[in-house]
Amino acid sequence: AVDRYLETKVNRKRKGSVSARWLNVLEPCLRRVVRELPDKTLV
């Protein structure tokens, strides 16, 4: 889910895309969350 979310943020054609600078902040933060939380399904 985090991978999909980050892919949608990179694509500038879609609503909700972010700048490269903001993506540089967002990606490491989300990757840290993925590392710390157990790898379960969303539900």
PDB file of all heavy atoms in Angstrom:
ATOM      1  N   ALA A   1       0.834  -1.212   0.000  1.00  0.00           N
ATOM      2  CA  ALA A   1       0.000   0.000   0.000  1.00  0.00           C
ATOM      3  C   ALA A   1       0.863   1.253   0.000  1.00  0.00           C
ATOM      4  O   ALA A   1       0.561   2.226  -0.712  1.00  0.00           O
ATOM      5  CB  ALA A   1      -0.930  -0.006   1.210  1.00  0.00           C
ATOM      6  N   VAL A   2       1.950   1.249   0.768  1.00  0.00           N
ATOM      7  CA  VAL A   2       2.854   2.411   0.791  1.00  0.00           C
ATOM      8  C   VAL A   2       3.520   2.568  -0.577  1.00  0.00           C
ATOM      9  O   VAL A   2       3.634   3.687  -1.088  1.00  0.00           O
ATOM     10  CB  VAL A   2       3.896   2.272   1.924  1.00  0.00           C
ATOM     11  CG1 VAL A   2       5.021   3.283   1.778  1.00  0.00           C
ATOM     12  CG2 VAL A   2       3.213   2.430   3.281  1.00  0.00           C
ATOM     13  N   ASP A   3       3.940   1.459  -1.188  1.00  0.00           N
ATOM     14  CA  ASP A   3       4.544   1.535  -2.519  1.00  0.00           C
ATOM     15  C   ASP A   3       3.572   2.153  -3.528  1.00  0.00           C
ATOM     16  O   ASP A   3       3.945   3.043  -4.296  1.00  0.00           O
ATOM     17  CB  ASP A   3       4.963   0.147  -3.010  1.00  0.00           C
ATOM     18  CG  ASP A   3       6.193  -0.377  -2.294  1.00  0.00           C
ATOM     19  OD1 ASP A   3       6.907   0.439  -1.663  1.00  0.00           O
ATOM     20  OD2 ASP A   3       6.434  -1.597  -2.369  1.00  0.00           O
ATOM     21  N   ARG A   4       2.329   1.682  -3.507  1.00  0.00           N
ATOM     22  CA  ARG A   4       1.324   2.237  -4.432  1.00  0.00           C
ATOM     23  C   ARG A   4       1.083   3.719  -4.170  1.00  0.00           C
ATOM     24  O   ARG A   4       0.940   4.502  -5.095  1.00  0.00           O
ATOM     25  CB  ARG A   4      -0.002   1.494  -4.288  1.00  0.00           C
ATOM     26  CG  ARG A   4      -0.058   0.215  -5.038  1.00  0.00           C
ATOM     27  CD  ARG A   4      -1.487  -0.273  -5.056  1.00  0.00           C
ATOM     28  NE  ARG A   4      -1.589  -1.589  -5.639  1.00  0.00           N
ATOM     29  CZ  ARG A   4      -2.709  -2.249  -5.769  1.00  0.00           C
ATOM     30  NH1 ARG A   4      -3.831  -1.742  -5.328  1.00  0.00           N
ATOM     31  NH2 ARG A   4      -2.725  -3.435  -6.318  1.00  0.00           N
ATOM     32  N   TYR A   5       1.008   4.073  -2.912  1.00  0.00           N
ATOM     33  CA  TYR A   5       0.770   5.472  -2.543  1.00  0.00           C
ATOM     34  C   TYR A   5       1.890   6.367  -3.074  1.00  0.00           C
ATOM     35  O   TYR A   5       1.636   7.406  -3.676  1.00  0.00           O
ATOM     36  CB  TYR A   5       0.651   5.595  -1.023  1.00  0.00           C
ATOM     37  CG  TYR A   5       0.498   7.010  -0.549  1.00  0.00           C
ATOM     38  CD1 TYR A   5      -0.720   7.670  -0.681  1.00  0.00           C
ATOM     39  CD2 TYR A   5       1.555   7.697   0.031  1.00  0.00           C
ATOM     40  CE1 TYR A   5      -0.874   8.972  -0.252  1.00  0.00           C
ATOM     41  CE2 TYR A   5       1.417   8.989   0.459  1.00  0.00           C
ATOM     42  CZ  TYR A   5       0.205   9.634   0.323  1.00  0.00           C
ATOM     43  OH  TYR A   5       0.060  10.926   0.735  1.00  0.00           O
ATOM     44  N   LEU A   6       3.132   5.922  -2.862  1.00  0.00           N
ATOM     45  CA  LEU A   6       4.261   6.728  -3.330  1.00  0.00           C
ATOM     46  C   LEU A   6       4.292   6.819  -4.851  1.00  0.00           C
ATOM     47  O   LEU A   6       4.659   7.866  -5.409  1.00  0.00           O
ATOM     48  CB  LEU A   6       5.576   6.162  -2.791  1.00  0.00           C
ATOM     49  CG  LEU A   6       5.784   6.359  -1.280  1.00  0.00           C
ATOM     50  CD1 LEU A   6       7.010   5.597  -0.816  1.00  0.00           C
ATOM     51  CD2 LEU A   6       5.888   7.834  -0.926  1.00  0.00           C
ATOM     52  N   GLU A   7       3.911   5.750  -5.551  1.00  0.00           N
ATOM     53  CA  GLU A   7       3.857   5.796  -7.015  1.00  0.00           C
ATOM     54  C   GLU A   7       2.862   6.840  -7.502  1.00  0.00           C
ATOM     55  O   GLU A   7       3.116   7.529  -8.480  1.00  0.00           O
ATOM     56  CB  GLU A   7       3.463   4.415  -7.573  1.00  0.00           C
ATOM     57  CG  GLU A   7       4.549   3.386  -7.504  1.00  0.00           C
ATOM     58  CD  GLU A   7       4.050   2.011  -7.906  1.00  0.00           C
ATOM     59  OE1 GLU A   7       2.972   1.913  -8.545  1.00  0.00           O
ATOM     60  OE2 GLU A   7       4.725   1.026  -7.577  1.00  0.00           O
ATOM     61  N   THR A   8       1.726   6.960  -6.831  1.00  0.00           N
ATOM     62  CA  THR A   8       0.724   7.956  -7.260  1.00  0.00           C
ATOM     63  C   THR A   8       1.204   9.369  -6.984  1.00  0.00           C
ATOM     64  O   THR A   8       0.806  10.299  -7.680  1.00  0.00           O
ATOM     65  CB  THR A   8      -0.637   7.748  -6.555  1.00  0.00           C
ATOM     66  OG1 THR A   8      -0.481   7.957  -5.154  1.00  0.00           O
ATOM     67  CG2 THR A   8      -1.200   6.388  -6.838  1.00  0.00           C
ATOM     68  N   LYS A   9       2.049   9.557  -5.989  1.00  0.00           N
ATOM     69  CA  LYS A   9       2.527  10.896  -5.647  1.00  0.00           C
ATOM     70  C   LYS A   9       3.583  11.385  -6.621  1.00  0.00           C
ATOM     71  O   LYS A   9       3.764  12.576  -6.799  1.00  0.00           O
ATOM     72  CB  LYS A   9       3.080  10.931  -4.214  1.00  0.00           C
ATOM     73  CG  LYS A   9       2.028  10.718  -3.159  1.00  0.00           C
ATOM     74  CD  LYS A   9       0.965  11.760  -3.273  1.00  0.00           C
ATOM     75  CE  LYS A   9      -0.255  11.488  -2.453  1.00  0.00           C
ATOM     76  NZ  LYS A   9      -1.336  12.389  -2.721  1.00  0.00           N
ATOM     77  N   VAL A  10       4.306  10.471  -7.249  1.00  0.00           N
ATOM     78  CA  VAL A  10       5.349  10.841  -8.201  1.00  0.00           C
ATOM     79  C   VAL A  10       4.738  11.287  -9.524  1.00  0.00           C
ATOM     80  O   VAL A  10       5.234  12.202 -10.184  1.00  0.00           O
ATOM     81  CB  VAL A  10       6.319   9.648  -8.418  1.00  0.00           C
ATOM     82  CG1 VAL A  10       7.320   9.946  -9.507  1.00  0.00           C
ATOM     83  CG2 VAL A  10       7.023   9.321  -7.120  1.00  0.00           C
ATOM     84  N   ASN A  11       3.661  10.674  -9.921  1.00  0.00           N
ATOM     85  CA  ASN A  11       3.026  10.958 -11.205  1.00  0.00           C
ATOM     86  C   ASN A  11       2.416  12.357 -11.194  1.00  0.00           C
ATOM     87  O   ASN A  11       1.455  12.630 -10.523  1.00  0.00           O
ATOM     88  CB  ASN A  11       1.952   9.889 -11.472  1.00  0.00           C
ATOM     89  CG  ASN A  11       1.316  10.056 -12.826  1.00  0.00           C
ATOM     90  OD1 ASN A  11       1.601  11.008 -13.550  1.00  0.00           O
ATOM     91  ND2 ASN A  11       0.463   9.127 -13.166  1.00  0.00           N
ATOM     92  N   ARG A  12       2.947  13.257 -11.980  1.00  0.00           N
ATOM     93  CA  ARG A  12       2.498  14.646 -11.967  1.00  0.00           C
ATOM     94  C   ARG A  12       1.152  14.845 -12.672  1.00  0.00           C
ATOM     95  O   ARG A  12       0.545  15.879 -12.544  1.00  0.00           O
ATOM     96  CB  ARG A  12       3.546  15.537 -12.633  1.00  0.00           C
ATOM     97  CG  ARG A  12       4.826  15.558 -11.859  1.00  0.00           C
ATOM     98  CD  ARG A  12       5.440  16.932 -11.968  1.00  0.00           C
ATOM     99  NE  ARG A  12       6.562  17.033 -11.083  1.00  0.00           N
ATOM    100  CZ  ARG A  12       6.506  17.584  -9.877  1.00  0.00           C
ATOM    101  NH1 ARG A  12       5.396  18.067  -9.424  1.00  0.00           N
ATOM    102  NH2 ARG A  12       7.577  17.672  -9.145  1.00  0.00           N
ATOM    103  N   LYS A  13       0.699  13.857 -13.422  1.00  0.00           N
ATOM    104  CA  LYS A  13      -0.552  14.002 -14.156  1.00  0.00           C
ATOM    105  C   LYS A  13      -1.773  13.771 -13.264  1.00  0.00           C
ATOM    106  O   LYS A  13      -2.863  14.169 -13.603  1.00  0.00           O
ATOM    107  CB  LYS A  13      -0.588  13.012 -15.329  1.00  0.00           C
ATOM    108  CG  LYS A  13       0.464  13.298 -16.362  1.00  0.00           C
ATOM    109  CD  LYS A  13       0.447  12.261 -17.450  1.00  0.00           C
ATOM    110  CE  LYS A  13       1.604  12.516 -18.413  1.00  0.00           C
ATOM    111  NZ  LYS A  13       1.741  11.459 -19.382  1.00  0.00           N
ATOM    112  N   ARG A  14      -1.588  13.113 -12.151  1.00  0.00           N
ATOM    113  CA  ARG A  14      -2.715  12.788 -11.274  1.00  0.00           C
ATOM    114  C   ARG A  14      -2.914  13.843 -10.217  1.00  0.00           C
ATOM    115  O   ARG A  14      -1.973  14.494  -9.760  1.00  0.00           O
ATOM    116  CB  ARG A  14      -2.466  11.459 -10.579  1.00  0.00           C
ATOM    117  CG  ARG A  14      -2.476  10.300 -11.536  1.00  0.00           C
ATOM    118  CD  ARG A  14      -2.403   9.032 -10.807  1.00  0.00           C
ATOM    119  NE  ARG A  14      -3.670   8.851 -10.076  1.00  0.00           N
ATOM    120  CZ  ARG A  14      -3.987   7.742  -9.443  1.00  0.00           C
ATOM    121  NH1 ARG A  14      -3.157   6.745  -9.439  1.00  0.00           N
ATOM    122  NH2 ARG A  14      -5.121   7.622  -8.813  1.00  0.00           N
ATOM    123  N   LYS A  15      -4.141  13.979  -9.818  1.00  0.00           N
ATOM    124  CA  LYS A  15      -4.464  14.870  -8.711  1.00  0.00           C
ATOM    125  C   LYS A  15      -3.819  14.322  -7.443  1.00  0.00           C
ATOM    126  O   LYS A  15      -3.846  13.135  -7.198  1.00  0.00           O
ATOM    127  CB  LYS A  15      -5.986  14.943  -8.542  1.00  0.00           C
ATOM    128  CG  LYS A  15      -6.433  15.841  -7.431  1.00  0.00           C
ATOM    129  CD  LYS A  15      -7.937  15.849  -7.325  1.00  0.00           C
ATOM    130  CE  LYS A  15      -8.366  16.720  -6.171  1.00  0.00           C
ATOM    131  NZ  LYS A  15      -9.804  16.672  -5.967  1.00  0.00           N
ATOM    132  N   GLY A  16      -3.228  15.189  -6.651  1.00  0.00           N
ATOM    133  CA  GLY A  16      -2.593  14.742  -5.424  1.00  0.00           C
ATOM    134  C   GLY A  16      -1.103  14.521  -5.562  1.00  0.00           C
ATOM    135  O   GLY A  16      -0.463  14.094  -4.614  1.00  0.00           O
ATOM    136  N   SER A  17      -0.521  14.801  -6.716  1.00  0.00           N
ATOM    137  CA  SER A  17       0.922  14.646  -6.878  1.00  0.00           C
ATOM    138  C   SER A  17       1.645  15.692  -6.039  1.00  0.00           C
ATOM    139  O   SER A  17       1.108  16.747  -5.738  1.00  0.00           O
ATOM    140  CB  SER A  17       1.308  14.825  -8.342  1.00  0.00           C
ATOM    141  OG  SER A  17       0.776  13.778  -9.120  1.00  0.00           O
ATOM    142  N   VAL A  18       2.854  15.361  -5.652  1.00  0.00           N
ATOM    143  CA  VAL A  18       3.643  16.275  -4.813  1.00  0.00           C
ATOM    144  C   VAL A  18       4.948  16.624  -5.532  1.00  0.00           C
ATOM    145  O   VAL A  18       5.357  15.943  -6.471  1.00  0.00           O
ATOM    146  CB  VAL A  18       3.947  15.657  -3.433  1.00  0.00           C
ATOM    147  CG1 VAL A  18       2.668  15.427  -2.656  1.00  0.00           C
ATOM    148  CG2 VAL A  18       4.727  14.369  -3.561  1.00  0.00           C
ATOM    149  N   SER A  19       5.590  17.653  -5.025  1.00  0.00           N
ATOM    150  CA  SER A  19       6.865  18.065  -5.621  1.00  0.00           C
ATOM    151  C   SER A  19       7.953  17.066  -5.242  1.00  0.00           C
ATOM    152  O   SER A  19       7.805  16.285  -4.301  1.00  0.00           O
ATOM    153  CB  SER A  19       7.252  19.454  -5.114  1.00  0.00           C
ATOM    154  OG  SER A  19       7.559  19.388  -3.730  1.00  0.00           O
ATOM    155  N   ALA A  20       9.059  17.123  -5.982  1.00  0.00           N
ATOM    156  CA  ALA A  20      10.175  16.216  -5.724  1.00  0.00           C
ATOM    157  C   ALA A  20      10.746  16.458  -4.324  1.00  0.00           C
ATOM    158  O   ALA A  20      11.141  15.511  -3.634  1.00  0.00           O
ATOM    159  CB  ALA A  20      11.250  16.395  -6.784  1.00  0.00           C
ATOM    160  N   ARG A  21      10.773  17.716  -3.891  1.00  0.00           N
ATOM    161  CA  ARG A  21      11.306  18.037  -2.543  1.00  0.00           C
ATOM    162  C   ARG A  21      10.419  17.416  -1.452  1.00  0.00           C
ATOM    163  O   ARG A  21      10.925  16.873  -0.485  1.00  0.00           O
ATOM    164  CB  ARG A  21      11.399  19.545  -2.368  1.00  0.00           C
ATOM    165  CG  ARG A  21      12.519  20.133  -3.236  1.00  0.00           C
ATOM    166  CD  ARG A  21      12.583  21.621  -3.155  1.00  0.00           C
ATOM    167  NE  ARG A  21      12.984  22.047  -1.820  1.00  0.00           N
ATOM    168  CZ  ARG A  21      12.836  23.283  -1.373  1.00  0.00           C
ATOM    169  NH1 ARG A  21      12.287  24.209  -2.140  1.00  0.00           N
ATOM    170  NH2 ARG A  21      13.231  23.602  -0.164  1.00  0.00           N
ATOM    171  N   TRP A  22       9.112  17.535  -1.636  1.00  0.00           N
ATOM    172  CA  TRP A  22       8.216  16.971  -0.630  1.00  0.00           C
ATOM    173  C   TRP A  22       8.272  15.443  -0.658  1.00  0.00           C
ATOM    174  O   TRP A  22       8.217  14.791   0.381  1.00  0.00           O
ATOM    175  CB  TRP A  22       6.789  17.461  -0.837  1.00  0.00           C
ATOM    176  CG  TRP A  22       5.812  16.888   0.154  1.00  0.00           C
ATOM    177  CD1 TRP A  22       4.755  16.101  -0.120  1.00  0.00           C
ATOM    178  CD2 TRP A  22       5.843  17.026   1.582  1.00  0.00           C
ATOM    179  NE1 TRP A  22       4.106  15.734   1.051  1.00  0.00           N
ATOM    180  CE2 TRP A  22       4.763  16.303   2.110  1.00  0.00           C
ATOM    181  CE3 TRP A  22       6.698  17.691   2.465  1.00  0.00           C
ATOM    182  CZ2 TRP A  22       4.499  16.234   3.461  1.00  0.00           C
ATOM    183  CZ3 TRP A  22       6.428  17.623   3.828  1.00  0.00           C
ATOM    184  CH2 TRP A  22       5.340  16.894   4.307  1.00  0.00           C
ATOM    185  N   LEU A  23       8.446  14.862  -1.832  1.00  0.00           N
ATOM    186  CA  LEU A  23       8.569  13.414  -1.953  1.00  0.00           C
ATOM    187  C   LEU A  23       9.829  12.929  -1.231  1.00  0.00           C
ATOM    188  O   LEU A  23       9.819  11.873  -0.614  1.00  0.00           O
ATOM    189  CB  LEU A  23       8.602  13.001  -3.421  1.00  0.00           C
ATOM    190  CG  LEU A  23       8.547  11.503  -3.681  1.00  0.00           C
ATOM    191  CD1 LEU A  23       7.228  10.924  -3.178  1.00  0.00           C
ATOM    192  CD2 LEU A  23       8.722  11.207  -5.152  1.00  0.00           C
ATOM    193  N   ASN A  24      10.909  13.736  -1.279  1.00  0.00           N
ATOM    194  CA  ASN A  24      12.151  13.388  -0.572  1.00  0.00           C
ATOM    195  C   ASN A  24      11.945  13.368   0.942  1.00  0.00           C
ATOM    196  O   ASN A  24      12.686  12.692   1.655  1.00  0.00           O
ATOM    197  CB  ASN A  24      13.271  14.359  -0.933  1.00  0.00           C
ATOM    198  CG  ASN A  24      13.757  14.168  -2.352  1.00  0.00           C
ATOM    199  OD1 ASN A  24      13.572  13.101  -2.933  1.00  0.00           O
ATOM    200  ND2 ASN A  24      14.358  15.195  -2.926  1.00  0.00           N
ATOM    201  N   VAL A  25      10.973  14.114   1.446  1.00  0.00           N
ATOM    202  CA  VAL A  25      10.646  14.096   2.876  1.00  0.00           C
ATOM    203  C   VAL A  25       9.678  12.941   3.182  1.00  0.00           C
ATOM    204  O   VAL A  25       9.841  12.214   4.163  1.00  0.00           O
ATOM    205  CB  VAL A  25      10.014  15.446   3.305  1.00  0.00           C
ATOM    206  CG1 VAL A  25       9.493  15.376   4.722  1.00  0.00           C
ATOM    207  CG2 VAL A  25      11.010  16.571   3.134  1.00  0.00           C
ATOM    208  N   LEU A  26       8.696  12.776   2.317  1.00  0.00           N
ATOM    209  CA  LEU A  26       7.631  11.815   2.534  1.00  0.00           C
ATOM    210  C   LEU A  26       8.110  10.369   2.443  1.00  0.00           C
ATOM    211  O   LEU A  26       7.762   9.536   3.290  1.00  0.00           O
ATOM    212  CB  LEU A  26       6.520  12.067   1.502  1.00  0.00           C
ATOM    213  CG  LEU A  26       5.216  11.328   1.645  1.00  0.00           C
ATOM    214  CD1 LEU A  26       4.554  11.669   2.965  1.00  0.00           C
ATOM    215  CD2 LEU A  26       4.284  11.685   0.502  1.00  0.00           C
ATOM    216  N   GLU A  27       8.904  10.069   1.436  1.00  0.00           N
ATOM    217  CA  GLU A  27       9.312   8.687   1.201  1.00  0.00           C
ATOM    218  C   GLU A  27      10.108   8.080   2.361  1.00  0.00           C
ATOM    219  O   GLU A  27       9.756   7.002   2.853  1.00  0.00           O
ATOM    220  CB  GLU A  27      10.080   8.553  -0.109  1.00  0.00           C
ATOM    221  CG  GLU A  27      10.369   7.105  -0.450  1.00  0.00           C
ATOM    222  CD  GLU A  27      10.915   6.935  -1.857  1.00  0.00           C
ATOM    223  OE1 GLU A  27      11.185   7.945  -2.544  1.00  0.00           O
ATOM    224  OE2 GLU A  27      11.058   5.786  -2.260  1.00  0.00           O
ATOM    225  N   PRO A  28      11.164   8.728   2.861  1.00  0.00           N
ATOM    226  CA  PRO A  28      11.901   8.107   3.982  1.00  0.00           C
ATOM    227  C   PRO A  28      11.027   7.934   5.231  1.00  0.00           C
ATOM    228  O   PRO A  28      11.148   6.950   5.961  1.00  0.00           O
ATOM    229  CB  PRO A  28      13.039   9.077   4.263  1.00  0.00           C
ATOM    230  CG  PRO A  28      13.114   9.975   3.099  1.00  0.00           C
ATOM    231  CD  PRO A  28      11.806   9.948   2.406  1.00  0.00           C
ATOM    232  N   CYS A  29      10.136   8.876   5.431  1.00  0.00           N
ATOM    233  CA  CYS A  29       9.253   8.806   6.595  1.00  0.00           C
ATOM    234  C   CYS A  29       8.328   7.584   6.489  1.00  0.00           C
ATOM    235  O   CYS A  29       8.186   6.812   7.439  1.00  0.00           O
ATOM    236  CB  CYS A  29       8.447  10.097   6.681  1.00  0.00           C
ATOM    237  SG  CYS A  29       7.507  10.240   8.191  1.00  0.00           S
ATOM    238  N   LEU A  30       7.724   7.398   5.324  1.00  0.00           N
ATOM    239  CA  LEU A  30       6.829   6.248   5.130  1.00  0.00           C
ATOM    240  C   LEU A  30       7.597   4.929   5.143  1.00  0.00           C
ATOM    241  O   LEU A  30       7.101   3.922   5.645  1.00  0.00           O
ATOM    242  CB  LEU A  30       6.047   6.397   3.831  1.00  0.00           C
ATOM    243  CG  LEU A  30       4.943   7.453   3.856  1.00  0.00           C
ATOM    244  CD1 LEU A  30       4.324   7.612   2.480  1.00  0.00           C
ATOM    245  CD2 LEU A  30       3.884   7.092   4.875  1.00  0.00           C
ATOM    246  N   ARG A  31       8.807   4.921   4.600  1.00  0.00           N
ATOM    247  CA  ARG A  31       9.617   3.693   4.612  1.00  0.00           C
ATOM    248  C   ARG A  31       9.962   3.291   6.053  1.00  0.00           C
ATOM    249  O   ARG A  31      10.015   2.114   6.386  1.00  0.00           O
ATOM    250  CB  ARG A  31      10.905   3.878   3.803  1.00  0.00           C
ATOM    251  CG  ARG A  31      10.678   4.103   2.336  1.00  0.00           C
ATOM    252  CD  ARG A  31      10.202   2.854   1.658  1.00  0.00           C
ATOM    253  NE  ARG A  31       9.926   3.138   0.251  1.00  0.00           N
ATOM    254  CZ  ARG A  31       9.000   2.544  -0.445  1.00  0.00           C
ATOM    255  NH1 ARG A  31       8.254   1.602   0.115  1.00  0.00           N
ATOM    256  NH2 ARG A  31       8.780   2.844  -1.685  1.00  0.00           N
ATOM    257  N   ARG A  32      10.191   4.292   6.896  1.00  0.00           N
ATOM    258  CA  ARG A  32      10.469   4.011   8.311  1.00  0.00           C
ATOM    259  C   ARG A  32       9.245   3.376   8.979  1.00  0.00           C
ATOM    260  O   ARG A  32       9.365   2.436   9.758  1.00  0.00           O
ATOM    261  CB  ARG A  32      10.854   5.294   9.026  1.00  0.00           C
ATOM    262  CG  ARG A  32      11.175   5.071  10.466  1.00  0.00           C
ATOM    263  CD  ARG A  32      11.679   6.326  11.126  1.00  0.00           C
ATOM    264  NE  ARG A  32      11.869   6.072  12.530  1.00  0.00           N
ATOM    265  CZ  ARG A  32      11.585   6.919  13.485  1.00  0.00           C
ATOM    266  NH1 ARG A  32      11.101   8.107  13.186  1.00  0.00           N
ATOM    267  NH2 ARG A  32      11.783   6.615  14.739  1.00  0.00           N
ATOM    268  N   VAL A  33       8.065   3.900   8.654  1.00  0.00           N
ATOM    269  CA  VAL A  33       6.828   3.342   9.200  1.00  0.00           C
ATOM    270  C   VAL A  33       6.683   1.887   8.756  1.00  0.00           C
ATOM    271  O   VAL A  33       6.343   1.015   9.558  1.00  0.00           O
ATOM    272  CB  VAL A  33       5.606   4.177   8.753  1.00  0.00           C
ATOM    273  CG1 VAL A  33       4.316   3.501   9.150  1.00  0.00           C
ATOM    274  CG2 VAL A  33       5.674   5.575   9.324  1.00  0.00           C
ATOM    275  N   VAL A  34       6.974   1.608   7.485  1.00  0.00           N
ATOM    276  CA  VAL A  34       6.875   0.241   6.963  1.00  0.00           C
ATOM    277  C   VAL A  34       7.834  -0.685   7.706  1.00  0.00           C
ATOM    278  O   VAL A  34       7.483  -1.815   8.038  1.00  0.00           O
ATOM    279  CB  VAL A  34       7.156   0.214   5.441  1.00  0.00           C
ATOM    280  CG1 VAL A  34       7.358  -1.194   4.932  1.00  0.00           C
ATOM    281  CG2 VAL A  34       6.025   0.886   4.695  1.00  0.00           C
ATOM    282  N   ARG A  35       9.038  -0.207   7.995  1.00  0.00           N
ATOM    283  CA  ARG A  35      10.029  -1.027   8.706  1.00  0.00           C
ATOM    284  C   ARG A  35       9.593  -1.316  10.144  1.00  0.00           C
ATOM    285  O   ARG A  35       9.812  -2.412  10.652  1.00  0.00           O
ATOM    286  CB  ARG A  35      11.389  -0.327   8.742  1.00  0.00           C
ATOM    287  CG  ARG A  35      12.245  -0.535   7.535  1.00  0.00           C
ATOM    288  CD  ARG A  35      13.695  -0.113   7.779  1.00  0.00           C
ATOM    289  NE  ARG A  35      13.846   1.160   8.460  1.00  0.00           N
ATOM    290  CZ  ARG A  35      13.884   2.363   7.864  1.00  0.00           C
ATOM    291  NH1 ARG A  35      13.779   2.438   6.548  1.00  0.00           N
ATOM    292  NH2 ARG A  35      14.050   3.459   8.553  1.00  0.00           N
ATOM    293  N   GLU A  36       8.981  -0.340  10.793  1.00  0.00           N
ATOM    294  CA  GLU A  36       8.661  -0.485  12.218  1.00  0.00           C
ATOM    295  C   GLU A  36       7.352  -1.225  12.485  1.00  0.00           C
ATOM    296  O   GLU A  36       7.224  -1.864  13.521  1.00  0.00           O
ATOM    297  CB  GLU A  36       8.629   0.887  12.891  1.00  0.00           C
ATOM    298  CG  GLU A  36      10.008   1.499  12.961  1.00  0.00           C
ATOM    299  CD  GLU A  36      10.033   2.793  13.736  1.00  0.00           C
ATOM    300  OE1 GLU A  36       9.053   3.097  14.442  1.00  0.00           O
ATOM    301  OE2 GLU A  36      11.032   3.506  13.631  1.00  0.00           O
ATOM    302  N   LEU A  37       6.409  -1.115  11.581  1.00  0.00           N
ATOM    303  CA  LEU A  37       5.138  -1.818  11.781  1.00  0.00           C
ATOM    304  C   LEU A  37       5.236  -3.220  11.194  1.00  0.00           C
ATOM    305  O   LEU A  37       5.914  -3.422  10.187  1.00  0.00           O
ATOM    306  CB  LEU A  37       3.983  -1.056  11.124  1.00  0.00           C
ATOM    307  CG  LEU A  37       3.530   0.216  11.834  1.00  0.00           C
ATOM    308  CD1 LEU A  37       2.423   0.895  11.046  1.00  0.00           C
ATOM    309  CD2 LEU A  37       3.048  -0.078  13.243  1.00  0.00           C
ATOM    310  N   PRO A  38       4.555  -4.177  11.794  1.00  0.00           N
ATOM    311  CA  PRO A  38       4.603  -5.541  11.240  1.00  0.00           C
ATOM    312  C   PRO A  38       3.984  -5.568   9.845  1.00  0.00           C
ATOM    313  O   PRO A  38       3.119  -4.761   9.529  1.00  0.00           O
ATOM    314  CB  PRO A  38       3.778  -6.357  12.232  1.00  0.00           C
ATOM    315  CG  PRO A  38       2.989  -5.383  13.016  1.00  0.00           C
ATOM    316  CD  PRO A  38       3.704  -4.070  12.960  1.00  0.00           C
ATOM    317  N   ASP A  39       4.496  -6.489   9.022  1.00  0.00           N
ATOM    318  CA  ASP A  39       4.000  -6.568   7.645  1.00  0.00           C
ATOM    319  C   ASP A  39       2.715  -7.388   7.607  1.00  0.00           C
ATOM    320  O   ASP A  39       2.721  -8.574   7.319  1.00  0.00           O
ATOM    321  CB  ASP A  39       5.067  -7.185   6.734  1.00  0.00           C
ATOM    322  CG  ASP A  39       4.744  -6.939   5.267  1.00  0.00           C
ATOM    323  OD1 ASP A  39       4.088  -5.929   4.974  1.00  0.00           O
ATOM    324  OD2 ASP A  39       5.135  -7.760   4.434  1.00  0.00           O
ATOM    325  N   LYS A  40       1.624  -6.708   7.938  1.00  0.00           N
ATOM    326  CA  LYS A  40       0.308  -7.325   7.897  1.00  0.00           C
ATOM    327  C   LYS A  40      -0.475  -6.699   6.753  1.00  0.00           C
ATOM    328  O   LYS A  40      -0.070  -5.696   6.187  1.00  0.00           O
ATOM    329  CB  LYS A  40      -0.453  -7.054   9.194  1.00  0.00           C
ATOM    330  CG  LYS A  40       0.149  -7.629  10.432  1.00  0.00           C
ATOM    331  CD  LYS A  40      -0.868  -7.594  11.548  1.00  0.00           C
ATOM    332  CE  LYS A  40      -0.492  -6.639  12.633  1.00  0.00           C
ATOM    333  NZ  LYS A  40      -1.444  -6.602  13.737  1.00  0.00           N
ATOM    334  N   THR A  41      -1.623  -7.302   6.450  1.00  0.00           N
ATOM    335  CA  THR A  41      -2.495  -6.664   5.474  1.00  0.00           C
ATOM    336  C   THR A  41      -3.193  -5.488   6.150  1.00  0.00           C
ATOM    337  O   THR A  41      -3.284  -5.421   7.377  1.00  0.00           O
ATOM    338  CB  THR A  41      -3.546  -7.654   4.931  1.00  0.00           C
ATOM    339  OG1 THR A  41      -4.349  -8.100   6.016  1.00  0.00           O
ATOM    340  CG2 THR A  41      -2.899  -8.820   4.224  1.00  0.00           C
ATOM    341  N   LEU A  42      -3.714  -4.579   5.339  1.00  0.00           N
ATOM    342  CA  LEU A  42      -4.318  -3.372   5.894  1.00  0.00           C
ATOM    343  C   LEU A  42      -5.498  -3.671   6.817  1.00  0.00           C
ATOM    344  O   LEU A  42      -5.671  -3.003   7.828  1.00  0.00           O
ATOM    345  CB  LEU A  42      -4.764  -2.437   4.756  1.00  0.00           C
ATOM    346  CG  LEU A  42      -3.635  -1.882   3.888  1.00  0.00           C
ATOM    347  CD1 LEU A  42      -4.209  -1.034   2.771  1.00  0.00           C
ATOM    348  CD2 LEU A  42      -2.657  -1.080   4.718  1.00  0.00           C
ATOM    349  N   VAL A  43      -6.305  -4.659   6.499  1.00  0.00           N
ATOM    350  CA  VAL A  43      -7.480  -4.949   7.327  1.00  0.00           C
ATOM    351  C   VAL A  43      -7.120  -5.601   8.662  1.00  0.00           C
ATOM    352  O   VAL A  43      -7.947  -5.646   9.563  1.00  0.00           O
ATOM    353  CB  VAL A  43      -8.515  -5.831   6.588  1.00  0.00           C
ATOM    354  CG1 VAL A  43      -9.060  -5.130   5.378  1.00  0.00           C
ATOM    355  CG2 VAL A  43      -7.943  -7.171   6.232  1.00  0.00           C
TER     356      VAL A  43
END
